[in-house]
Amino acid sequence: MPRHFATISLLIVILLCGVPLSVSADNAIELPVLAAIRQNNLGVFEILMMWWDKKPEPDPIQLQWLLAGVRLGNTHLGAMAQAFAYAVERTPSVQHSGTVSVQGVAYQPIGSDGPSAGAAMAVGFIALFKGDHIQRGIALTGTIEPGGQIGPVGSIPDKIRAAAREGYRTVLVPNGQIHDPRWNLIELGFQLNVAVKEVETVDEAYLLMTGQRI
């Protein structure tokens, strides 16, 4: 088994240990998240697990982040809470009650790179509410802006390298960031065998990541 697939499998096994046995596959999402660390150019790849208990209470729906067994409230969640609120707004036909839980291995929601995962988390939450699934092999980086626009982020080459190490072959980046004085993403993508595509909105990213429209 290639190393990157073994790594992904290990991450998912670790994460699933924290998911209640009562949660069905239809109520859970595996979401790839890309980040960067200032001290190196390797980037960070992580799988976030999201699951929804669909209980009638609490109403309105509640979001919780599980970190080392500690449940953090909305005041600690930053971009995650913003993405969650947007997903609730975009799925008006869904009965939003119960608790949505998010758990990861390395992602720090209050870290400096947290906002760059906002668009990806919006896609994940919407997919969770709609019952869609994230396709394997495709990842997204970008902030979530008003109206569902995807905003610019830094360290994109590091994030593409992280995705490539884990066997991902498509990385979605904010519109206008492929051609940037700081990097050449076309050349990097060619070197790493990764297709780099620009997306302007969460709707565009959602279609590419799930194969479905919001």
N, C-alpha and C. Protein backbone atom coordinates (compact mmCIF):
# COMPACT_ATOMS: atom_id res chain seq x y z
N MET A 1 0.85 -1.20 0.00
CA MET A 1 0.00 0.00 0.00
C MET A 1 0.88 1.24 0.00
N PRO A 2 0.62 2.21 -0.92
CA PRO A 2 1.42 3.44 -0.93
C PRO A 2 1.36 4.14 0.40
N ARG A 3 2.47 4.83 0.74
CA ARG A 3 2.54 5.46 2.05
C ARG A 3 1.43 6.46 2.29
N HIS A 4 1.09 7.27 1.25
CA HIS A 4 0.10 8.32 1.48
C HIS A 4 -1.27 7.74 1.78
N PHE A 5 -1.63 6.62 1.10
CA PHE A 5 -2.93 6.02 1.39
C PHE A 5 -2.93 5.39 2.77
N ALA A 6 -1.79 4.85 3.18
CA ALA A 6 -1.71 4.29 4.53
C ALA A 6 -1.89 5.39 5.57
N THR A 7 -1.30 6.57 5.28
CA THR A 7 -1.43 7.70 6.20
C THR A 7 -2.87 8.14 6.33
N ILE A 8 -3.57 8.26 5.18
CA ILE A 8 -4.97 8.66 5.21
C ILE A 8 -5.79 7.65 5.98
N SER A 9 -5.55 6.34 5.72
CA SER A 9 -6.31 5.31 6.42
C SER A 9 -6.09 5.39 7.92
N LEU A 10 -4.84 5.64 8.33
CA LEU A 10 -4.55 5.75 9.75
C LEU A 10 -5.28 6.93 10.36
N LEU A 11 -5.28 8.08 9.66
CA LEU A 11 -5.98 9.25 10.16
C LEU A 11 -7.46 8.96 10.35
N ILE A 12 -8.07 8.30 9.35
CA ILE A 12 -9.50 8.04 9.42
C ILE A 12 -9.81 7.07 10.56
N VAL A 13 -8.97 6.06 10.75
CA VAL A 13 -9.17 5.13 11.86
C VAL A 13 -9.10 5.86 13.20
N ILE A 14 -8.09 6.74 13.34
CA ILE A 14 -7.96 7.50 14.58
C ILE A 14 -9.18 8.35 14.82
N LEU A 15 -9.66 9.02 13.77
CA LEU A 15 -10.80 9.91 13.92
C LEU A 15 -12.07 9.16 14.20
N LEU A 16 -12.27 8.02 13.53
CA LEU A 16 -13.49 7.26 13.72
C LEU A 16 -13.62 6.73 15.14
N CYS A 17 -12.49 6.62 15.84
CA CYS A 17 -12.56 6.17 17.23
C CYS A 17 -13.37 7.14 18.08
N GLY A 18 -13.43 8.40 17.64
CA GLY A 18 -14.18 9.38 18.42
C GLY A 18 -15.61 9.57 17.95
N VAL A 19 -16.01 8.91 16.85
CA VAL A 19 -17.35 9.05 16.32
C VAL A 19 -18.27 8.03 16.98
N PRO A 20 -19.40 8.44 17.53
CA PRO A 20 -20.31 7.50 18.18
C PRO A 20 -20.75 6.40 17.23
N LEU A 21 -20.89 5.18 17.73
CA LEU A 21 -21.29 4.05 16.91
C LEU A 21 -22.69 4.23 16.33
N SER A 22 -23.50 5.07 16.97
CA SER A 22 -24.88 5.27 16.52
C SER A 22 -24.97 6.14 15.27
N VAL A 23 -23.86 6.78 14.89
CA VAL A 23 -23.87 7.68 13.74
C VAL A 23 -23.69 6.86 12.46
N SER A 24 -24.64 6.99 11.52
CA SER A 24 -24.56 6.26 10.26
C SER A 24 -23.65 6.98 9.29
N ALA A 25 -23.26 6.26 8.24
CA ALA A 25 -22.37 6.84 7.23
C ALA A 25 -23.04 8.04 6.56
N ASP A 26 -24.37 8.03 6.47
CA ASP A 26 -25.08 9.13 5.83
C ASP A 26 -25.06 10.40 6.68
N ASN A 27 -24.72 10.27 7.95
CA ASN A 27 -24.70 11.42 8.86
C ASN A 27 -23.28 11.89 9.17
N ALA A 28 -22.30 11.44 8.37
CA ALA A 28 -20.91 11.80 8.64
C ALA A 28 -20.20 12.20 7.35
N ILE A 29 -19.23 13.10 7.48
CA ILE A 29 -18.46 13.60 6.34
C ILE A 29 -16.98 13.53 6.69
N GLU A 30 -16.17 13.08 5.73
CA GLU A 30 -14.72 13.16 5.85
C GLU A 30 -14.26 14.32 4.97
N LEU A 31 -13.69 15.35 5.58
CA LEU A 31 -13.35 16.57 4.84
C LEU A 31 -11.84 16.80 4.86
N PRO A 32 -11.20 16.86 3.68
CA PRO A 32 -9.76 17.18 3.65
C PRO A 32 -9.53 18.66 3.92
N VAL A 33 -8.55 18.96 4.75
CA VAL A 33 -8.21 20.35 5.09
C VAL A 33 -6.71 20.55 4.85
N LEU A 34 -6.37 21.66 4.20
CA LEU A 34 -4.98 21.99 3.91
C LEU A 34 -4.56 23.20 4.73
N ALA A 35 -3.37 23.15 5.30
CA ALA A 35 -2.85 24.27 6.09
C ALA A 35 -1.35 24.39 5.83
N ALA A 36 -0.75 25.40 6.42
CA ALA A 36 0.68 25.63 6.25
C ALA A 36 1.30 26.02 7.58
N ILE A 37 2.57 25.68 7.74
CA ILE A 37 3.32 26.04 8.94
C ILE A 37 4.45 26.96 8.51
N ARG A 38 4.58 28.08 9.18
CA ARG A 38 5.56 29.09 8.76
C ARG A 38 7.00 28.56 8.76
N GLN A 39 7.29 27.61 9.65
CA GLN A 39 8.68 27.18 9.82
C GLN A 39 9.19 26.29 8.69
N ASN A 40 8.28 25.77 7.84
CA ASN A 40 8.76 24.92 6.75
C ASN A 40 7.87 25.12 5.52
N ASN A 41 8.20 24.43 4.44
CA ASN A 41 7.40 24.55 3.23
C ASN A 41 6.73 23.23 2.88
N LEU A 42 6.46 22.43 3.90
CA LEU A 42 5.89 21.10 3.66
C LEU A 42 4.37 21.13 3.63
N GLY A 43 3.75 22.07 4.34
CA GLY A 43 2.30 22.10 4.40
C GLY A 43 1.76 21.01 5.31
N VAL A 44 0.47 21.12 5.62
CA VAL A 44 -0.19 20.17 6.51
C VAL A 44 -1.46 19.67 5.84
N PHE A 45 -1.65 18.36 5.85
CA PHE A 45 -2.88 17.74 5.34
C PHE A 45 -3.59 17.08 6.50
N GLU A 46 -4.89 17.27 6.56
CA GLU A 46 -5.66 16.62 7.62
C GLU A 46 -7.04 16.23 7.14
N ILE A 47 -7.59 15.20 7.73
CA ILE A 47 -8.99 14.84 7.52
C ILE A 47 -9.78 15.29 8.74
N LEU A 48 -10.77 16.14 8.52
CA LEU A 48 -11.71 16.49 9.59
C LEU A 48 -12.90 15.56 9.49
N MET A 49 -13.34 15.03 10.61
CA MET A 49 -14.57 14.26 10.67
C MET A 49 -15.69 15.15 11.17
N MET A 50 -16.80 15.17 10.45
CA MET A 50 -17.99 15.92 10.86
C MET A 50 -19.14 14.93 10.97
N TRP A 51 -19.88 14.99 12.05
CA TRP A 51 -21.06 14.15 12.14
C TRP A 51 -22.21 14.89 12.83
N TRP A 52 -23.43 14.48 12.48
CA TRP A 52 -24.65 15.15 12.92
C TRP A 52 -25.57 14.13 13.54
N ASP A 53 -26.00 14.36 14.80
CA ASP A 53 -26.85 13.38 15.47
C ASP A 53 -28.33 13.48 15.06
N LYS A 54 -28.73 14.58 14.43
CA LYS A 54 -30.10 14.78 13.92
C LYS A 54 -31.17 14.66 15.01
N LYS A 55 -30.82 14.94 16.22
CA LYS A 55 -31.80 14.89 17.31
C LYS A 55 -32.70 16.13 17.27
N PRO A 56 -33.90 16.04 17.86
CA PRO A 56 -34.79 17.21 17.85
C PRO A 56 -34.30 18.35 18.74
N GLU A 57 -33.42 18.05 19.66
CA GLU A 57 -32.84 19.07 20.55
C GLU A 57 -31.32 18.95 20.53
N PRO A 58 -30.60 20.05 20.69
CA PRO A 58 -31.11 21.42 20.82
C PRO A 58 -31.65 21.98 19.52
N ASP A 59 -32.51 22.94 19.64
CA ASP A 59 -33.11 23.64 18.52
C ASP A 59 -33.10 25.13 18.82
N PRO A 60 -32.32 25.95 18.13
CA PRO A 60 -31.61 25.65 16.88
C PRO A 60 -30.39 24.78 17.08
N ILE A 61 -29.87 24.29 15.96
CA ILE A 61 -28.76 23.34 15.93
C ILE A 61 -27.51 23.92 16.59
N GLN A 62 -26.71 23.04 17.17
CA GLN A 62 -25.49 23.44 17.88
C GLN A 62 -24.26 22.82 17.22
N LEU A 63 -23.17 23.58 17.23
CA LEU A 63 -21.90 23.11 16.69
C LEU A 63 -20.91 22.92 17.82
N GLN A 64 -20.20 21.79 17.82
CA GLN A 64 -19.15 21.60 18.82
C GLN A 64 -17.89 21.06 18.17
N TRP A 65 -16.76 21.56 18.64
CA TRP A 65 -15.44 21.13 18.18
C TRP A 65 -14.82 20.29 19.28
N LEU A 66 -14.41 19.08 18.95
CA LEU A 66 -13.82 18.17 19.93
C LEU A 66 -12.31 18.18 19.78
N LEU A 67 -11.63 18.61 20.83
CA LEU A 67 -10.17 18.70 20.80
C LEU A 67 -9.63 18.06 22.07
N ALA A 68 -8.99 16.89 21.91
CA ALA A 68 -8.42 16.17 23.05
C ALA A 68 -9.47 15.93 24.13
N GLY A 69 -10.69 15.61 23.69
CA GLY A 69 -11.75 15.31 24.63
C GLY A 69 -12.46 16.52 25.20
N VAL A 70 -12.01 17.72 24.83
CA VAL A 70 -12.62 18.95 25.33
C VAL A 70 -13.55 19.51 24.26
N ARG A 71 -14.74 19.89 24.66
CA ARG A 71 -15.71 20.43 23.72
C ARG A 71 -15.66 21.95 23.79
N LEU A 72 -15.36 22.56 22.64
CA LEU A 72 -15.21 24.01 22.58
C LEU A 72 -16.46 24.62 21.97
N GLY A 73 -16.90 25.73 22.52
CA GLY A 73 -18.09 26.41 22.03
C GLY A 73 -17.80 27.35 20.88
N ASN A 74 -18.85 28.01 20.37
CA ASN A 74 -18.72 28.85 19.18
C ASN A 74 -17.71 29.98 19.33
N THR A 75 -17.52 30.47 20.55
CA THR A 75 -16.60 31.59 20.74
C THR A 75 -15.16 31.21 20.42
N HIS A 76 -14.85 29.92 20.34
CA HIS A 76 -13.50 29.45 20.06
C HIS A 76 -13.32 29.00 18.61
N LEU A 77 -14.38 29.04 17.82
CA LEU A 77 -14.34 28.35 16.54
C LEU A 77 -13.99 29.21 15.34
N GLY A 78 -14.12 30.52 15.44
CA GLY A 78 -13.70 31.39 14.36
C GLY A 78 -14.33 31.06 13.03
N ALA A 79 -13.49 30.75 12.02
CA ALA A 79 -13.95 30.48 10.67
C ALA A 79 -14.88 29.28 10.60
N MET A 80 -14.71 28.32 11.50
CA MET A 80 -15.57 27.15 11.51
C MET A 80 -17.02 27.56 11.81
N ALA A 81 -17.20 28.43 12.79
CA ALA A 81 -18.55 28.90 13.14
C ALA A 81 -19.14 29.72 11.99
N GLN A 82 -18.32 30.51 11.33
CA GLN A 82 -18.79 31.30 10.18
C GLN A 82 -19.24 30.37 9.05
N ALA A 83 -18.46 29.33 8.76
CA ALA A 83 -18.82 28.37 7.72
C ALA A 83 -20.08 27.62 8.08
N PHE A 84 -20.22 27.29 9.35
CA PHE A 84 -21.40 26.56 9.83
C PHE A 84 -22.66 27.41 9.64
N ALA A 85 -22.59 28.67 10.04
CA ALA A 85 -23.74 29.57 9.90
C ALA A 85 -24.13 29.72 8.43
N TYR A 86 -23.13 29.81 7.55
CA TYR A 86 -23.41 29.92 6.12
C TYR A 86 -24.10 28.66 5.61
N ALA A 87 -23.65 27.49 6.05
CA ALA A 87 -24.23 26.22 5.60
C ALA A 87 -25.69 26.11 6.05
N VAL A 88 -25.99 26.56 7.26
CA VAL A 88 -27.37 26.54 7.75
C VAL A 88 -28.23 27.44 6.87
N GLU A 89 -27.71 28.62 6.55
CA GLU A 89 -28.44 29.59 5.72
C GLU A 89 -28.71 29.03 4.32
N ARG A 90 -27.76 28.26 3.76
CA ARG A 90 -27.88 27.76 2.39
C ARG A 90 -28.73 26.51 2.28
N THR A 91 -29.16 25.94 3.38
CA THR A 91 -29.97 24.71 3.34
C THR A 91 -31.28 24.95 4.09
N PRO A 92 -32.11 25.89 3.62
CA PRO A 92 -33.32 26.28 4.35
C PRO A 92 -34.38 25.18 4.45
N SER A 93 -34.34 24.20 3.55
CA SER A 93 -35.34 23.14 3.58
C SER A 93 -35.02 22.05 4.61
N VAL A 94 -33.84 22.12 5.22
CA VAL A 94 -33.40 21.12 6.19
C VAL A 94 -33.86 21.52 7.59
N GLN A 95 -34.29 20.54 8.37
CA GLN A 95 -34.62 20.78 9.77
C GLN A 95 -33.33 20.82 10.58
N HIS A 96 -32.89 22.00 10.95
CA HIS A 96 -31.61 22.17 11.65
C HIS A 96 -31.81 22.08 13.15
N SER A 97 -31.63 20.88 13.67
CA SER A 97 -31.70 20.68 15.11
C SER A 97 -30.68 19.61 15.49
N GLY A 98 -30.43 19.48 16.79
CA GLY A 98 -29.45 18.50 17.25
C GLY A 98 -28.06 19.12 17.33
N THR A 99 -27.04 18.27 17.23
CA THR A 99 -25.66 18.72 17.40
C THR A 99 -24.79 18.22 16.25
N VAL A 100 -24.01 19.12 15.68
CA VAL A 100 -22.99 18.76 14.71
C VAL A 100 -21.64 18.80 15.43
N SER A 101 -20.90 17.71 15.35
CA SER A 101 -19.60 17.61 16.00
C SER A 101 -18.50 17.55 14.95
N VAL A 102 -17.37 18.18 15.25
CA VAL A 102 -16.22 18.18 14.34
C VAL A 102 -15.00 17.75 15.13
N GLN A 103 -14.24 16.84 14.56
CA GLN A 103 -13.03 16.37 15.23
C GLN A 103 -11.92 16.20 14.21
N GLY A 104 -10.71 16.61 14.59
CA GLY A 104 -9.55 16.45 13.73
C GLY A 104 -8.32 16.11 14.55
N VAL A 105 -7.23 15.88 13.85
CA VAL A 105 -6.00 15.51 14.54
C VAL A 105 -5.11 16.72 14.78
N ALA A 106 -4.91 17.54 13.73
CA ALA A 106 -3.92 18.62 13.84
C ALA A 106 -4.51 20.01 13.70
N TYR A 107 -5.67 20.13 13.10
CA TYR A 107 -6.22 21.44 12.80
C TYR A 107 -6.55 22.22 14.06
N GLN A 108 -6.07 23.45 14.14
CA GLN A 108 -6.33 24.32 15.29
C GLN A 108 -7.26 25.45 14.84
N PRO A 109 -8.52 25.46 15.29
CA PRO A 109 -9.47 26.44 14.77
C PRO A 109 -9.14 27.88 15.13
N ILE A 110 -8.30 28.10 16.14
CA ILE A 110 -7.97 29.48 16.51
C ILE A 110 -6.58 29.86 16.01
N GLY A 111 -5.96 28.98 15.21
CA GLY A 111 -4.62 29.25 14.68
C GLY A 111 -4.67 30.28 13.57
N SER A 112 -3.50 30.78 13.20
CA SER A 112 -3.43 31.85 12.20
C SER A 112 -3.89 31.39 10.83
N ASP A 113 -3.83 30.07 10.56
CA ASP A 113 -4.21 29.57 9.25
C ASP A 113 -5.66 29.10 9.21
N GLY A 114 -6.35 29.18 10.34
CA GLY A 114 -7.72 28.69 10.41
C GLY A 114 -8.65 29.22 9.36
N PRO A 115 -8.65 30.56 9.09
CA PRO A 115 -9.59 31.09 8.10
C PRO A 115 -9.44 30.50 6.71
N SER A 116 -8.25 30.01 6.35
CA SER A 116 -8.05 29.49 5.00
C SER A 116 -8.80 28.18 4.77
N ALA A 117 -9.33 27.59 5.83
CA ALA A 117 -10.14 26.37 5.70
C ALA A 117 -11.63 26.69 5.70
N GLY A 118 -11.99 27.98 5.77
CA GLY A 118 -13.39 28.35 5.88
C GLY A 118 -14.25 27.85 4.74
N ALA A 119 -13.79 28.03 3.50
CA ALA A 119 -14.58 27.60 2.34
C ALA A 119 -14.76 26.08 2.33
N ALA A 120 -13.69 25.35 2.64
CA ALA A 120 -13.78 23.88 2.66
C ALA A 120 -14.77 23.43 3.73
N MET A 121 -14.74 24.07 4.90
CA MET A 121 -15.67 23.67 5.96
C MET A 121 -17.11 24.00 5.59
N ALA A 122 -17.33 25.10 4.86
CA ALA A 122 -18.68 25.41 4.38
C ALA A 122 -19.18 24.31 3.46
N VAL A 123 -18.32 23.86 2.55
CA VAL A 123 -18.68 22.75 1.66
C VAL A 123 -19.02 21.50 2.49
N GLY A 124 -18.19 21.22 3.49
CA GLY A 124 -18.41 20.03 4.32
C GLY A 124 -19.72 20.09 5.08
N PHE A 125 -20.02 21.22 5.69
CA PHE A 125 -21.26 21.34 6.46
C PHE A 125 -22.49 21.25 5.56
N ILE A 126 -22.44 21.88 4.39
CA ILE A 126 -23.57 21.80 3.47
C ILE A 126 -23.79 20.36 3.02
N ALA A 127 -22.70 19.66 2.69
CA ALA A 127 -22.81 18.25 2.30
C ALA A 127 -23.40 17.41 3.42
N LEU A 128 -23.02 17.71 4.65
CA LEU A 128 -23.56 16.98 5.80
C LEU A 128 -25.07 17.18 5.89
N PHE A 129 -25.52 18.42 5.75
CA PHE A 129 -26.95 18.72 5.84
C PHE A 129 -27.74 18.12 4.68
N LYS A 130 -27.15 18.09 3.47
CA LYS A 130 -27.85 17.60 2.29
C LYS A 130 -27.75 16.09 2.11
N GLY A 131 -26.83 15.45 2.84
CA GLY A 131 -26.64 14.02 2.67
C GLY A 131 -25.75 13.66 1.50
N ASP A 132 -24.97 14.64 0.99
CA ASP A 132 -24.01 14.38 -0.08
C ASP A 132 -22.66 13.97 0.52
N HIS A 133 -21.76 13.51 -0.32
CA HIS A 133 -20.44 13.07 0.15
C HIS A 133 -19.34 13.77 -0.63
N ILE A 134 -18.23 14.03 0.05
CA ILE A 134 -17.07 14.64 -0.58
C ILE A 134 -16.32 13.57 -1.37
N GLN A 135 -16.03 13.86 -2.63
CA GLN A 135 -15.29 12.91 -3.46
C GLN A 135 -13.83 12.86 -3.03
N ARG A 136 -13.27 11.68 -3.04
CA ARG A 136 -11.86 11.51 -2.67
C ARG A 136 -10.96 12.11 -3.74
N GLY A 137 -9.81 12.61 -3.32
CA GLY A 137 -8.81 13.06 -4.27
C GLY A 137 -8.88 14.53 -4.63
N ILE A 138 -9.82 15.29 -4.01
CA ILE A 138 -9.94 16.70 -4.32
C ILE A 138 -10.01 17.50 -3.03
N ALA A 139 -9.25 18.59 -2.97
CA ALA A 139 -9.19 19.42 -1.76
C ALA A 139 -9.33 20.88 -2.14
N LEU A 140 -9.69 21.71 -1.16
CA LEU A 140 -9.96 23.13 -1.39
C LEU A 140 -9.28 23.97 -0.32
N THR A 141 -8.72 25.10 -0.72
CA THR A 141 -8.24 26.09 0.24
C THR A 141 -8.83 27.44 -0.13
N GLY A 142 -9.19 28.24 0.88
CA GLY A 142 -9.78 29.55 0.63
C GLY A 142 -10.63 29.97 1.81
N THR A 143 -10.71 31.26 2.04
CA THR A 143 -11.58 31.77 3.10
C THR A 143 -13.01 31.83 2.59
N ILE A 144 -13.96 31.91 3.51
CA ILE A 144 -15.34 32.13 3.12
C ILE A 144 -15.70 33.58 3.39
N GLU A 145 -16.20 34.23 2.34
CA GLU A 145 -16.52 35.64 2.40
C GLU A 145 -18.04 35.84 2.30
N PRO A 146 -18.53 37.03 2.58
CA PRO A 146 -19.98 37.29 2.46
C PRO A 146 -20.52 36.89 1.09
N GLY A 147 -21.70 36.28 1.12
CA GLY A 147 -22.32 35.86 -0.13
C GLY A 147 -21.77 34.57 -0.69
N GLY A 148 -20.92 33.88 0.06
CA GLY A 148 -20.37 32.62 -0.41
C GLY A 148 -19.20 32.75 -1.35
N GLN A 149 -18.62 33.94 -1.44
CA GLN A 149 -17.39 34.11 -2.23
C GLN A 149 -16.23 33.42 -1.51
N ILE A 150 -15.26 32.95 -2.29
CA ILE A 150 -14.07 32.32 -1.73
C ILE A 150 -12.93 33.33 -1.80
N GLY A 151 -12.36 33.68 -0.64
CA GLY A 151 -11.35 34.71 -0.56
C GLY A 151 -9.93 34.16 -0.64
N PRO A 152 -8.96 35.02 -0.92
CA PRO A 152 -7.56 34.61 -1.10
C PRO A 152 -6.89 34.15 0.18
N VAL A 153 -5.89 33.30 0.02
CA VAL A 153 -5.13 32.76 1.15
C VAL A 153 -3.64 32.75 0.78
N GLY A 154 -2.80 32.51 1.76
CA GLY A 154 -1.36 32.43 1.54
C GLY A 154 -0.86 31.00 1.53
N SER A 155 0.43 30.86 1.25
CA SER A 155 1.13 29.56 1.32
C SER A 155 0.49 28.47 0.47
N ILE A 156 -0.09 28.84 -0.65
CA ILE A 156 -0.76 27.83 -1.47
C ILE A 156 0.20 26.74 -1.97
N PRO A 157 1.43 27.07 -2.39
CA PRO A 157 2.33 25.99 -2.82
C PRO A 157 2.54 24.93 -1.73
N ASP A 158 2.69 25.36 -0.47
CA ASP A 158 2.87 24.41 0.62
C ASP A 158 1.67 23.48 0.74
N LYS A 159 0.48 24.05 0.56
CA LYS A 159 -0.74 23.26 0.69
C LYS A 159 -0.88 22.27 -0.46
N ILE A 160 -0.47 22.69 -1.65
CA ILE A 160 -0.51 21.77 -2.79
C ILE A 160 0.47 20.62 -2.58
N ARG A 161 1.65 20.93 -2.04
CA ARG A 161 2.62 19.86 -1.75
C ARG A 161 2.04 18.87 -0.73
N ALA A 162 1.35 19.39 0.28
CA ALA A 162 0.74 18.52 1.30
C ALA A 162 -0.31 17.62 0.66
N ALA A 163 -1.15 18.18 -0.21
CA ALA A 163 -2.17 17.38 -0.88
C ALA A 163 -1.54 16.31 -1.77
N ALA A 164 -0.49 16.68 -2.49
CA ALA A 164 0.19 15.73 -3.38
C ALA A 164 0.79 14.57 -2.60
N ARG A 165 1.36 14.87 -1.44
CA ARG A 165 1.96 13.80 -0.61
C ARG A 165 0.92 12.77 -0.20
N GLU A 166 -0.33 13.19 -0.07
CA GLU A 166 -1.39 12.28 0.37
C GLU A 166 -2.16 11.68 -0.80
N GLY A 167 -1.66 11.86 -2.02
CA GLY A 167 -2.28 11.23 -3.17
C GLY A 167 -3.43 12.01 -3.78
N TYR A 168 -3.62 13.26 -3.36
CA TYR A 168 -4.70 14.08 -3.93
C TYR A 168 -4.23 14.64 -5.27
N ARG A 169 -5.13 14.62 -6.26
CA ARG A 169 -4.74 15.00 -7.61
C ARG A 169 -5.44 16.26 -8.11
N THR A 170 -6.32 16.85 -7.31
CA THR A 170 -6.95 18.12 -7.67
C THR A 170 -6.98 19.01 -6.44
N VAL A 171 -6.51 20.25 -6.60
CA VAL A 171 -6.58 21.24 -5.53
C VAL A 171 -7.28 22.47 -6.07
N LEU A 172 -8.33 22.89 -5.39
CA LEU A 172 -9.08 24.08 -5.76
C LEU A 172 -8.54 25.27 -4.98
N VAL A 173 -8.29 26.38 -5.68
CA VAL A 173 -7.73 27.57 -5.04
C VAL A 173 -8.62 28.77 -5.38
N PRO A 174 -8.53 29.84 -4.59
CA PRO A 174 -9.37 31.02 -4.85
C PRO A 174 -9.11 31.62 -6.23
N ASN A 175 -10.18 32.17 -6.80
CA ASN A 175 -10.09 32.80 -8.11
C ASN A 175 -9.02 33.91 -8.10
N GLY A 176 -8.18 33.89 -9.12
CA GLY A 176 -7.14 34.90 -9.26
C GLY A 176 -5.82 34.57 -8.60
N GLN A 177 -5.71 33.39 -7.97
CA GLN A 177 -4.47 33.08 -7.26
C GLN A 177 -3.57 32.08 -7.97
N ILE A 178 -3.98 31.57 -9.11
CA ILE A 178 -3.06 30.73 -9.87
C ILE A 178 -1.90 31.57 -10.39
N HIS A 179 -2.22 32.74 -10.92
CA HIS A 179 -1.18 33.63 -11.45
C HIS A 179 -0.91 34.71 -10.41
N ASP A 180 0.17 34.52 -9.68
CA ASP A 180 0.52 35.39 -8.57
C ASP A 180 2.03 35.59 -8.59
N PRO A 181 2.52 36.80 -8.31
CA PRO A 181 3.97 37.04 -8.33
C PRO A 181 4.75 36.16 -7.36
N ARG A 182 4.07 35.62 -6.35
CA ARG A 182 4.76 34.84 -5.32
C ARG A 182 5.01 33.40 -5.73
N TRP A 183 4.31 32.89 -6.75
CA TRP A 183 4.45 31.48 -7.09
C TRP A 183 3.95 31.21 -8.51
N ASN A 184 4.25 30.03 -9.00
CA ASN A 184 3.77 29.57 -10.30
C ASN A 184 3.07 28.23 -10.06
N LEU A 185 1.76 28.28 -9.84
CA LEU A 185 1.02 27.07 -9.48
C LEU A 185 0.85 26.12 -10.66
N ILE A 186 0.85 26.66 -11.88
CA ILE A 186 0.75 25.79 -13.05
C ILE A 186 1.97 24.88 -13.13
N GLU A 187 3.15 25.49 -12.98
CA GLU A 187 4.40 24.70 -13.03
C GLU A 187 4.47 23.73 -11.87
N LEU A 188 4.11 24.19 -10.66
CA LEU A 188 4.15 23.31 -9.49
C LEU A 188 3.19 22.14 -9.67
N GLY A 189 1.99 22.43 -10.15
CA GLY A 189 1.02 21.36 -10.36
C GLY A 189 1.52 20.34 -11.37
N PHE A 190 2.19 20.82 -12.43
CA PHE A 190 2.76 19.91 -13.43
C PHE A 190 3.83 19.03 -12.80
N GLN A 191 4.68 19.62 -11.97
CA GLN A 191 5.75 18.86 -11.32
C GLN A 191 5.19 17.79 -10.38
N LEU A 192 4.09 18.09 -9.70
CA LEU A 192 3.53 17.19 -8.69
C LEU A 192 2.39 16.32 -9.21
N ASN A 193 2.05 16.49 -10.51
CA ASN A 193 0.92 15.76 -11.09
C ASN A 193 -0.39 16.08 -10.36
N VAL A 194 -0.58 17.37 -10.09
CA VAL A 194 -1.79 17.85 -9.41
C VAL A 194 -2.45 18.90 -10.31
N ALA A 195 -3.74 18.74 -10.54
CA ALA A 195 -4.50 19.74 -11.29
C ALA A 195 -4.91 20.86 -10.33
N VAL A 196 -4.50 22.08 -10.63
CA VAL A 196 -4.85 23.24 -9.80
C VAL A 196 -5.92 24.04 -10.53
N LYS A 197 -7.07 24.21 -9.88
CA LYS A 197 -8.20 24.90 -10.51
C LYS A 197 -8.67 26.04 -9.63
N GLU A 198 -9.05 27.14 -10.25
CA GLU A 198 -9.58 28.27 -9.51
C GLU A 198 -11.10 28.14 -9.34
N VAL A 199 -11.59 28.55 -8.19
CA VAL A 199 -13.03 28.60 -7.94
C VAL A 199 -13.35 29.95 -7.31
N GLU A 200 -14.47 30.51 -7.67
CA GLU A 200 -14.85 31.84 -7.19
C GLU A 200 -15.82 31.79 -6.03
N THR A 201 -16.67 30.75 -6.00
CA THR A 201 -17.72 30.67 -4.98
C THR A 201 -17.78 29.28 -4.35
N VAL A 202 -18.44 29.22 -3.19
CA VAL A 202 -18.68 27.94 -2.53
C VAL A 202 -19.51 27.04 -3.44
N ASP A 203 -20.45 27.61 -4.18
CA ASP A 203 -21.28 26.81 -5.09
C ASP A 203 -20.42 26.09 -6.13
N GLU A 204 -19.45 26.79 -6.71
CA GLU A 204 -18.55 26.17 -7.70
C GLU A 204 -17.74 25.04 -7.05
N ALA A 205 -17.20 25.32 -5.88
CA ALA A 205 -16.39 24.32 -5.18
C ALA A 205 -17.23 23.11 -4.80
N TYR A 206 -18.45 23.36 -4.37
CA TYR A 206 -19.34 22.27 -3.95
C TYR A 206 -19.61 21.31 -5.11
N LEU A 207 -19.88 21.87 -6.29
CA LEU A 207 -20.16 21.02 -7.45
C LEU A 207 -18.95 20.15 -7.79
N LEU A 208 -17.75 20.73 -7.73
CA LEU A 208 -16.55 19.98 -8.06
C LEU A 208 -16.21 18.94 -6.99
N MET A 209 -16.50 19.25 -5.73
CA MET A 209 -16.11 18.35 -4.63
C MET A 209 -17.14 17.26 -4.35
N THR A 210 -18.39 17.49 -4.72
CA THR A 210 -19.44 16.49 -4.44
C THR A 210 -20.11 15.93 -5.69
N GLY A 211 -19.97 16.66 -6.80
CA GLY A 211 -20.69 16.24 -8.00
C GLY A 211 -22.15 16.66 -7.99
N GLN A 212 -22.55 17.43 -6.97
CA GLN A 212 -23.94 17.86 -6.82
C GLN A 212 -24.00 19.38 -6.73
N ARG A 213 -25.17 19.91 -7.01
CA ARG A 213 -25.40 21.35 -6.84
C ARG A 213 -26.04 21.61 -5.48
N ILE A 214 -25.78 22.77 -4.93
CA ILE A 214 -26.39 23.12 -3.64
C ILE A 214 -27.88 23.35 -3.85
